[in-house]
């Protein structure tokens, strides 16, 4: 599957994501992330090509070769992150979480990855860890609405209306698309109603 397909599948695991450009992970000179090795990128490219042909068995071989050949933090983070995204589309959530956590251990400054870890943790019923992951994503990318949207939705779902309203009000301080802004304003109005219930 394409990278966009993988991200949509990960986002659809429980707490919805927002279709906005992916944040860039920090690190490297002048804020640019160090690139993964050529060999690791080549294996990932072959894995993605196999996925396009629905050769999941072959894709798995290339992902595992990429991970085995990853020796530096950038390559370890990249190989595990890409495999985690694909594993989520296969419905292998516990394994996806393991590789996502390995990627973050190697490259901890990656707000998109923290967001996706939160989605996966929520899918598995670990809402406390999901909230921490979303909060880390929010801290690393304060201008990105995704983690705030996820936090607001999850807090509302768990019955924390005050926490949800706080996240939604924080979203209004960001530069939001008109459609998203309208949804946020609606949510704030709903949460302000005495009869508003956990979603």
Protein backbone atom coordinates (compact mmCIF):
# COMPACT_ATOMS: atom_id res chain seq x y z
CA UNK A 1 0.00 0.00 0.00
CA UNK A 2 1.02 3.61 -0.45
CA UNK A 3 2.32 5.67 2.46
CA UNK A 4 -0.98 7.59 2.52
CA UNK A 5 -2.92 4.30 2.67
CA UNK A 6 -0.84 3.20 5.65
CA UNK A 7 -1.38 6.47 7.49
CA UNK A 8 -5.14 6.36 6.89
CA UNK A 9 -5.29 2.82 8.24
CA UNK A 10 -3.30 3.77 11.33
CA UNK A 11 -5.48 6.81 11.93
CA UNK A 12 -8.62 4.73 11.57
CA UNK A 13 -7.65 2.46 14.45
CA UNK A 14 -9.90 4.30 16.89
CA UNK A 15 -9.12 7.99 17.40
CA UNK A 16 -9.36 9.81 14.11
CA UNK A 17 -6.52 11.78 12.61
CA UNK A 18 -6.71 14.96 10.54
CA UNK A 19 -5.75 14.97 6.85
CA UNK A 20 -2.98 17.56 7.02
CA UNK A 21 0.68 17.48 5.93
CA UNK A 22 2.95 15.26 7.99
CA UNK A 23 5.14 17.01 10.58
CA UNK A 24 8.89 16.77 10.06
CA UNK A 25 10.91 15.03 12.75
CA UNK A 26 13.68 17.08 14.30
CA UNK A 27 17.39 16.31 14.50
CA UNK A 28 20.47 16.68 12.36
CA UNK A 29 22.20 19.85 11.28
CA UNK A 30 20.09 23.00 11.18
CA UNK A 31 17.02 21.12 12.33
CA UNK A 32 17.03 18.71 9.41
CA UNK A 33 16.78 14.99 10.28
CA UNK A 34 19.78 12.85 9.38
CA UNK A 35 18.88 10.54 6.48
CA UNK A 36 18.73 6.75 6.83
CA UNK A 37 21.36 4.72 5.01
CA UNK A 38 21.10 4.07 1.29
CA UNK A 39 20.80 0.31 1.83
CA UNK A 40 17.95 0.69 4.31
CA UNK A 41 16.09 3.07 2.00
CA UNK A 42 16.53 0.58 -0.86
CA UNK A 43 15.06 -2.27 1.20
CA UNK A 44 12.10 -0.14 2.25
CA UNK A 45 11.52 0.87 -1.38
CA UNK A 46 11.44 -2.80 -2.37
CA UNK A 47 9.07 -3.56 0.50
CA UNK A 48 6.69 -0.81 -0.63
CA UNK A 49 6.86 -2.05 -4.20
CA UNK A 50 5.96 -5.55 -3.01
CA UNK A 51 3.06 -4.10 -1.04
CA UNK A 52 1.72 -2.41 -4.16
CA UNK A 53 1.58 -5.86 -5.74
CA UNK A 54 -0.07 -7.26 -2.58
CA UNK A 55 2.99 -9.47 -2.00
CA UNK A 56 2.81 -9.16 1.77
CA UNK A 57 5.16 -12.09 2.29
CA UNK A 58 7.84 -10.46 0.12
CA UNK A 59 7.23 -7.07 1.70
CA UNK A 60 7.78 -8.57 5.14
CA UNK A 61 11.12 -10.01 4.02
CA UNK A 62 12.34 -6.62 2.81
CA UNK A 63 11.11 -4.77 5.91
CA UNK A 64 12.91 -7.27 8.15
CA UNK A 65 16.08 -6.97 6.05
CA UNK A 66 15.89 -3.19 6.37
CA UNK A 67 15.58 -3.48 10.14
CA UNK A 68 18.42 -6.00 10.37
CA UNK A 69 20.66 -3.72 8.30
CA UNK A 70 19.83 -0.55 10.23
CA UNK A 71 22.82 0.40 12.39
CA UNK A 72 22.45 4.13 13.07
CA UNK A 73 19.55 5.92 14.84
CA UNK A 74 18.17 7.45 11.64
CA UNK A 75 18.07 4.09 9.86
CA UNK A 76 16.70 2.23 12.88
CA UNK A 77 13.96 4.80 13.34
CA UNK A 78 13.07 4.89 9.65
CA UNK A 79 12.99 1.12 9.09
CA UNK A 80 10.92 0.41 12.18
CA UNK A 81 8.56 3.33 11.55
CA UNK A 82 7.81 2.25 7.99
CA UNK A 83 7.25 -1.36 9.03
CA UNK A 84 5.01 -0.25 11.89
CA UNK A 85 2.81 1.73 9.52
CA UNK A 86 2.42 -1.28 7.23
CA UNK A 87 1.78 -3.67 10.13
CA UNK A 88 -1.09 -1.45 11.22
CA UNK A 89 -2.73 -1.87 7.82
CA UNK A 90 -2.41 -5.64 8.27
CA UNK A 91 -4.21 -5.40 11.59
CA UNK A 92 -1.14 -6.57 13.50
CA UNK A 93 -1.45 -3.86 16.13
CA UNK A 94 0.70 -5.31 18.97
CA UNK A 95 3.61 -5.86 16.57
CA UNK A 96 3.04 -2.42 15.04
CA UNK A 97 3.28 -0.91 18.53
CA UNK A 98 6.53 -2.76 19.21
CA UNK A 99 8.16 -1.43 16.06
CA UNK A 100 6.74 2.05 16.60
CA UNK A 101 8.27 2.11 20.09
CA UNK A 102 11.61 0.88 18.72
CA UNK A 103 11.54 3.67 16.15
CA UNK A 104 10.82 6.27 18.82
CA UNK A 105 13.56 4.95 21.08
CA UNK A 106 15.99 5.58 18.22
CA UNK A 107 14.49 8.90 17.10
CA UNK A 108 12.38 10.32 19.95
CA UNK A 109 11.69 13.65 18.24
CA UNK A 110 8.98 12.62 15.79
CA UNK A 111 5.57 14.12 16.56
CA UNK A 112 3.84 12.16 13.81
CA UNK A 113 5.17 8.89 15.21
CA UNK A 114 4.06 9.78 18.74
CA UNK A 115 0.60 10.59 17.37
CA UNK A 116 0.40 7.24 15.61
CA UNK A 117 1.60 5.42 18.72
CA UNK A 118 -1.25 7.09 20.60
CA UNK A 119 -3.74 5.84 18.02
CA UNK A 120 -2.39 2.30 18.27
CA UNK A 121 -2.37 2.33 22.07
CA UNK A 122 -5.97 3.55 22.09
CA UNK A 123 -6.91 0.77 19.70
CA UNK A 124 -5.50 -1.72 22.20
CA UNK A 125 -7.38 -0.14 25.12
CA UNK A 126 -4.34 1.49 26.74
CA UNK A 127 -5.81 4.98 26.95
CA UNK A 128 -3.44 6.24 29.65
CA UNK A 129 -0.41 5.58 27.43
CA UNK A 130 -2.31 6.89 24.41
CA UNK A 131 -2.88 10.21 26.16
CA UNK A 132 0.81 10.47 27.09
CA UNK A 133 1.80 9.77 23.47
CA UNK A 134 -0.61 12.40 22.14
CA UNK A 135 0.67 14.89 24.71
CA UNK A 136 4.25 14.25 23.60
CA UNK A 137 3.20 14.79 19.99
CA UNK A 138 1.49 18.03 20.97
CA UNK A 139 4.59 19.25 22.82
CA UNK A 140 6.87 18.47 19.89
CA UNK A 141 4.55 20.03 17.30
CA UNK A 142 2.54 22.73 19.10
CA UNK A 143 1.19 24.18 15.85
CA UNK A 144 -0.03 20.84 14.50
CA UNK A 145 -3.74 20.28 15.22
CA UNK A 146 -3.59 16.48 14.99
CA UNK A 147 -2.52 15.67 18.56
CA UNK A 148 -4.93 18.21 20.02
CA UNK A 149 -7.80 16.79 17.97
CA UNK A 150 -6.91 13.29 19.12
CA UNK A 151 -6.57 14.36 22.76
CA UNK A 152 -9.85 16.24 22.70
CA UNK A 153 -11.71 13.32 21.13
CA UNK A 154 -10.23 10.78 23.54
CA UNK A 155 -10.80 12.90 26.64
CA UNK A 156 -14.43 13.47 25.60
CA UNK A 157 -14.86 9.75 24.96
CA UNK A 158 -13.49 9.01 28.44
CA UNK A 159 -15.86 11.52 30.04
CA UNK A 160 -13.27 14.23 30.71
CA UNK A 161 -15.32 17.12 29.33
CA UNK A 162 -13.13 19.77 30.97
CA UNK A 163 -9.97 18.33 29.45
CA UNK A 164 -11.64 17.98 26.06
CA UNK A 165 -12.86 21.58 26.11
CA UNK A 166 -9.35 22.78 27.00
CA UNK A 167 -7.88 20.98 23.99
CA UNK A 168 -10.58 22.33 21.68
CA UNK A 169 -10.04 25.89 22.91
CA UNK A 170 -6.31 25.44 22.28
CA UNK A 171 -7.12 24.40 18.72
CA UNK A 172 -8.89 27.71 18.09
CA UNK A 173 -5.54 29.48 18.63
CA UNK A 174 -4.08 27.63 15.63
CA UNK A 175 -4.39 28.34 11.92
CA UNK A 176 -7.12 25.80 11.08
CA UNK A 177 -8.96 24.98 7.85
CA UNK A 178 -12.46 26.46 7.93
CA UNK A 179 -14.13 23.05 8.09
CA UNK A 180 -12.06 21.92 11.05
CA UNK A 181 -12.56 25.23 12.85
CA UNK A 182 -16.34 24.86 12.47
CA UNK A 183 -16.19 21.35 13.95
CA UNK A 184 -14.09 22.56 16.87
CA UNK A 185 -16.51 25.40 17.59
CA UNK A 186 -19.42 22.94 17.46
CA UNK A 187 -17.64 20.63 19.92
CA UNK A 188 -17.04 23.49 22.36
CA UNK A 189 -20.71 24.41 22.24
CA UNK A 190 -21.74 20.79 22.83
CA UNK A 191 -19.36 20.40 25.74
CA UNK A 192 -20.74 23.55 27.32
CA UNK A 193 -24.23 22.07 27.50
CA UNK A 194 -25.07 20.62 30.93
CA UNK A 195 -26.44 17.48 29.31
CA UNK A 196 -23.32 16.86 27.20
CA UNK A 197 -22.30 13.24 27.71
CA UNK A 198 -19.13 11.33 27.08
CA UNK A 199 -18.90 10.27 23.46
